[in-house]
Amino acid sequence: MRTRLIIGSILLASFVAPTLAAEYYVVQDSSTKRCTIVEQKPTTTTIVVVGNGMYKRRTEAETAMRTVKVCEQ
């Protein structure tokens, strides 16, 4: 019984952990001036992070994208 509980806990944690570790960034492509939401921090120089940096939830990033001045254009 105890083994089943431990295995079940490990399986549950393996499915939940990636969701909890999600990061969202509001970025702007400097050539097109278009803003998007991405799950990884950009590594190229043509895409820059705008707003307050990293967000834990996609809904937070969507709200931030609506309020960032450079994304309103």
N, C-alpha and C. Protein backbone atom coordinates (compact mmCIF):
# COMPACT_ATOMS: atom_id res chain seq x y z
N MET A 1 0.82 -1.20 0.00
CA MET A 1 0.00 0.00 0.00
C MET A 1 0.87 1.26 0.00
N ARG A 2 1.88 1.25 0.83
CA ARG A 2 2.75 2.41 0.93
C ARG A 2 3.49 2.63 -0.39
N THR A 3 3.89 1.56 -1.06
CA THR A 3 4.60 1.66 -2.34
C THR A 3 3.69 2.29 -3.39
N ARG A 4 2.45 1.91 -3.42
CA ARG A 4 1.50 2.49 -4.37
C ARG A 4 1.33 3.98 -4.14
N LEU A 5 1.27 4.37 -2.89
CA LEU A 5 1.12 5.78 -2.56
C LEU A 5 2.34 6.58 -3.01
N ILE A 6 3.51 6.04 -2.81
CA ILE A 6 4.74 6.73 -3.22
C ILE A 6 4.81 6.83 -4.73
N ILE A 7 4.51 5.76 -5.43
CA ILE A 7 4.53 5.77 -6.90
C ILE A 7 3.48 6.74 -7.44
N GLY A 8 2.31 6.75 -6.86
CA GLY A 8 1.26 7.68 -7.28
C GLY A 8 1.67 9.13 -7.07
N SER A 9 2.33 9.41 -5.95
CA SER A 9 2.79 10.77 -5.68
C SER A 9 3.85 11.21 -6.68
N ILE A 10 4.74 10.31 -7.01
CA ILE A 10 5.79 10.63 -7.99
C ILE A 10 5.18 10.89 -9.36
N LEU A 11 4.23 10.08 -9.78
CA LEU A 11 3.57 10.29 -11.07
C LEU A 11 2.82 11.61 -11.10
N LEU A 12 2.13 11.92 -10.05
CA LEU A 12 1.40 13.18 -9.98
C LEU A 12 2.36 14.37 -10.05
N ALA A 13 3.44 14.30 -9.32
CA ALA A 13 4.43 15.39 -9.34
C ALA A 13 5.06 15.55 -10.71
N SER A 14 5.26 14.47 -11.44
CA SER A 14 5.87 14.57 -12.76
C SER A 14 4.96 15.27 -13.77
N PHE A 15 3.66 15.21 -13.56
CA PHE A 15 2.73 15.90 -14.45
C PHE A 15 2.50 17.34 -14.03
N VAL A 16 2.54 17.63 -12.75
CA VAL A 16 2.25 18.95 -12.25
C VAL A 16 3.47 19.87 -12.32
N ALA A 17 4.66 19.35 -12.12
CA ALA A 17 5.87 20.17 -12.05
C ALA A 17 6.10 21.01 -13.30
N PRO A 18 5.97 20.49 -14.53
CA PRO A 18 6.18 21.35 -15.69
C PRO A 18 5.19 22.52 -15.76
N THR A 19 3.98 22.33 -15.30
CA THR A 19 2.99 23.39 -15.30
C THR A 19 3.37 24.48 -14.31
N LEU A 20 3.88 24.10 -13.18
CA LEU A 20 4.26 25.07 -12.17
C LEU A 20 5.50 25.85 -12.57
N ALA A 21 6.34 25.27 -13.41
CA ALA A 21 7.59 25.92 -13.80
C ALA A 21 7.44 26.77 -15.05
N ALA A 22 6.23 26.97 -15.53
CA ALA A 22 6.02 27.73 -16.76
C ALA A 22 6.40 29.20 -16.56
N GLU A 23 7.03 29.76 -17.57
CA GLU A 23 7.39 31.17 -17.58
C GLU A 23 6.92 31.77 -18.89
N TYR A 24 6.38 32.96 -18.83
CA TYR A 24 5.89 33.64 -20.02
C TYR A 24 6.54 35.01 -20.12
N TYR A 25 6.87 35.40 -21.34
CA TYR A 25 7.50 36.68 -21.61
C TYR A 25 6.71 37.41 -22.69
N VAL A 26 6.54 38.72 -22.52
CA VAL A 26 5.96 39.55 -23.57
C VAL A 26 7.16 40.10 -24.34
N VAL A 27 7.22 39.79 -25.63
CA VAL A 27 8.36 40.19 -26.44
C VAL A 27 7.90 40.98 -27.65
N GLN A 28 8.80 41.78 -28.18
CA GLN A 28 8.51 42.56 -29.39
C GLN A 28 9.61 42.30 -30.41
N ASP A 29 9.18 41.98 -31.63
CA ASP A 29 10.12 41.83 -32.74
C ASP A 29 10.48 43.23 -33.20
N SER A 30 11.75 43.56 -33.16
CA SER A 30 12.16 44.93 -33.48
C SER A 30 11.99 45.29 -34.95
N SER A 31 11.92 44.31 -35.84
CA SER A 31 11.74 44.62 -37.26
C SER A 31 10.28 44.86 -37.61
N THR A 32 9.36 44.07 -37.03
CA THR A 32 7.94 44.22 -37.35
C THR A 32 7.18 45.04 -36.31
N LYS A 33 7.80 45.27 -35.15
CA LYS A 33 7.17 45.99 -34.03
C LYS A 33 5.94 45.27 -33.49
N ARG A 34 5.86 43.98 -33.71
CA ARG A 34 4.71 43.18 -33.27
C ARG A 34 5.03 42.50 -31.93
N CYS A 35 4.10 42.56 -30.99
CA CYS A 35 4.29 41.94 -29.68
C CYS A 35 3.63 40.56 -29.65
N THR A 36 4.28 39.63 -28.98
CA THR A 36 3.75 38.28 -28.79
C THR A 36 4.13 37.79 -27.40
N ILE A 37 3.53 36.67 -27.02
CA ILE A 37 3.85 36.03 -25.75
C ILE A 37 4.57 34.72 -26.07
N VAL A 38 5.71 34.52 -25.43
CA VAL A 38 6.50 33.31 -25.64
C VAL A 38 6.78 32.65 -24.30
N GLU A 39 7.14 31.37 -24.35
CA GLU A 39 7.40 30.62 -23.13
C GLU A 39 8.88 30.53 -22.78
N GLN A 40 9.74 31.00 -23.66
CA GLN A 40 11.17 30.99 -23.38
C GLN A 40 11.73 32.39 -23.57
N LYS A 41 12.70 32.73 -22.74
CA LYS A 41 13.32 34.03 -22.86
C LYS A 41 14.07 34.11 -24.19
N PRO A 42 13.86 35.17 -24.95
CA PRO A 42 14.52 35.26 -26.27
C PRO A 42 16.03 35.36 -26.14
N THR A 43 16.70 34.75 -27.11
CA THR A 43 18.16 34.77 -27.11
C THR A 43 18.72 35.57 -28.28
N THR A 44 17.86 36.01 -29.20
CA THR A 44 18.32 36.80 -30.33
C THR A 44 18.23 38.28 -30.00
N THR A 45 18.95 39.08 -30.76
CA THR A 45 18.95 40.53 -30.51
C THR A 45 17.81 41.23 -31.22
N THR A 46 17.13 40.56 -32.14
CA THR A 46 16.02 41.19 -32.86
C THR A 46 14.71 41.11 -32.09
N ILE A 47 14.67 40.29 -31.07
CA ILE A 47 13.47 40.15 -30.24
C ILE A 47 13.83 40.59 -28.83
N VAL A 48 13.08 41.56 -28.30
CA VAL A 48 13.38 42.10 -26.98
C VAL A 48 12.20 41.89 -26.03
N VAL A 49 12.51 41.70 -24.77
CA VAL A 49 11.49 41.55 -23.74
C VAL A 49 10.97 42.93 -23.39
N VAL A 50 9.64 43.08 -23.37
CA VAL A 50 9.01 44.34 -22.97
C VAL A 50 8.16 44.09 -21.73
N GLY A 51 7.80 45.11 -21.05
CA GLY A 51 7.00 44.95 -19.84
C GLY A 51 7.89 44.68 -18.64
N ASN A 52 7.36 43.95 -17.68
CA ASN A 52 8.07 43.70 -16.43
C ASN A 52 8.88 42.40 -16.43
N GLY A 53 9.13 41.83 -17.58
CA GLY A 53 9.95 40.62 -17.64
C GLY A 53 9.13 39.36 -17.65
N MET A 54 9.36 38.49 -16.68
CA MET A 54 8.75 37.17 -16.66
C MET A 54 7.42 37.17 -15.90
N TYR A 55 6.47 36.37 -16.41
CA TYR A 55 5.17 36.21 -15.76
C TYR A 55 4.95 34.74 -15.49
N LYS A 56 4.30 34.43 -14.38
CA LYS A 56 4.05 33.04 -14.00
C LYS A 56 2.86 32.44 -14.73
N ARG A 57 1.90 33.27 -15.11
CA ARG A 57 0.70 32.77 -15.79
C ARG A 57 0.53 33.47 -17.13
N ARG A 58 -0.03 32.75 -18.08
CA ARG A 58 -0.24 33.33 -19.40
C ARG A 58 -1.23 34.49 -19.34
N THR A 59 -2.23 34.38 -18.48
CA THR A 59 -3.21 35.46 -18.37
C THR A 59 -2.56 36.75 -17.87
N GLU A 60 -1.56 36.63 -16.99
CA GLU A 60 -0.83 37.82 -16.53
C GLU A 60 -0.08 38.46 -17.69
N ALA A 61 0.53 37.62 -18.52
CA ALA A 61 1.28 38.13 -19.67
C ALA A 61 0.33 38.79 -20.68
N GLU A 62 -0.85 38.21 -20.87
CA GLU A 62 -1.82 38.79 -21.80
C GLU A 62 -2.29 40.16 -21.30
N THR A 63 -2.55 40.27 -20.01
CA THR A 63 -2.96 41.54 -19.44
C THR A 63 -1.84 42.57 -19.57
N ALA A 64 -0.62 42.16 -19.31
CA ALA A 64 0.52 43.07 -19.42
C ALA A 64 0.71 43.53 -20.87
N MET A 65 0.50 42.65 -21.81
CA MET A 65 0.69 43.00 -23.21
C MET A 65 -0.30 44.09 -23.63
N ARG A 66 -1.49 44.07 -23.06
CA ARG A 66 -2.49 45.09 -23.38
C ARG A 66 -2.13 46.45 -22.79
N THR A 67 -1.34 46.47 -21.72
CA THR A 67 -1.03 47.73 -21.04
C THR A 67 0.33 48.31 -21.43
N VAL A 68 1.19 47.54 -22.06
CA VAL A 68 2.51 48.04 -22.45
C VAL A 68 2.34 49.00 -23.64
N LYS A 69 2.90 50.19 -23.52
CA LYS A 69 2.73 51.23 -24.55
C LYS A 69 3.26 50.82 -25.92
N VAL A 70 4.41 50.16 -25.97
CA VAL A 70 4.99 49.80 -27.28
C VAL A 70 4.16 48.73 -27.99
N CYS A 71 3.31 48.02 -27.27
CA CYS A 71 2.47 46.99 -27.88
C CYS A 71 1.13 47.53 -28.37
N GLU A 72 0.81 48.76 -28.05
CA GLU A 72 -0.47 49.34 -28.44
C GLU A 72 -0.50 49.78 -29.89
N GLN A 73 0.63 49.91 -30.52
CA GLN A 73 0.69 50.45 -31.88
C GLN A 73 0.20 49.45 -32.89
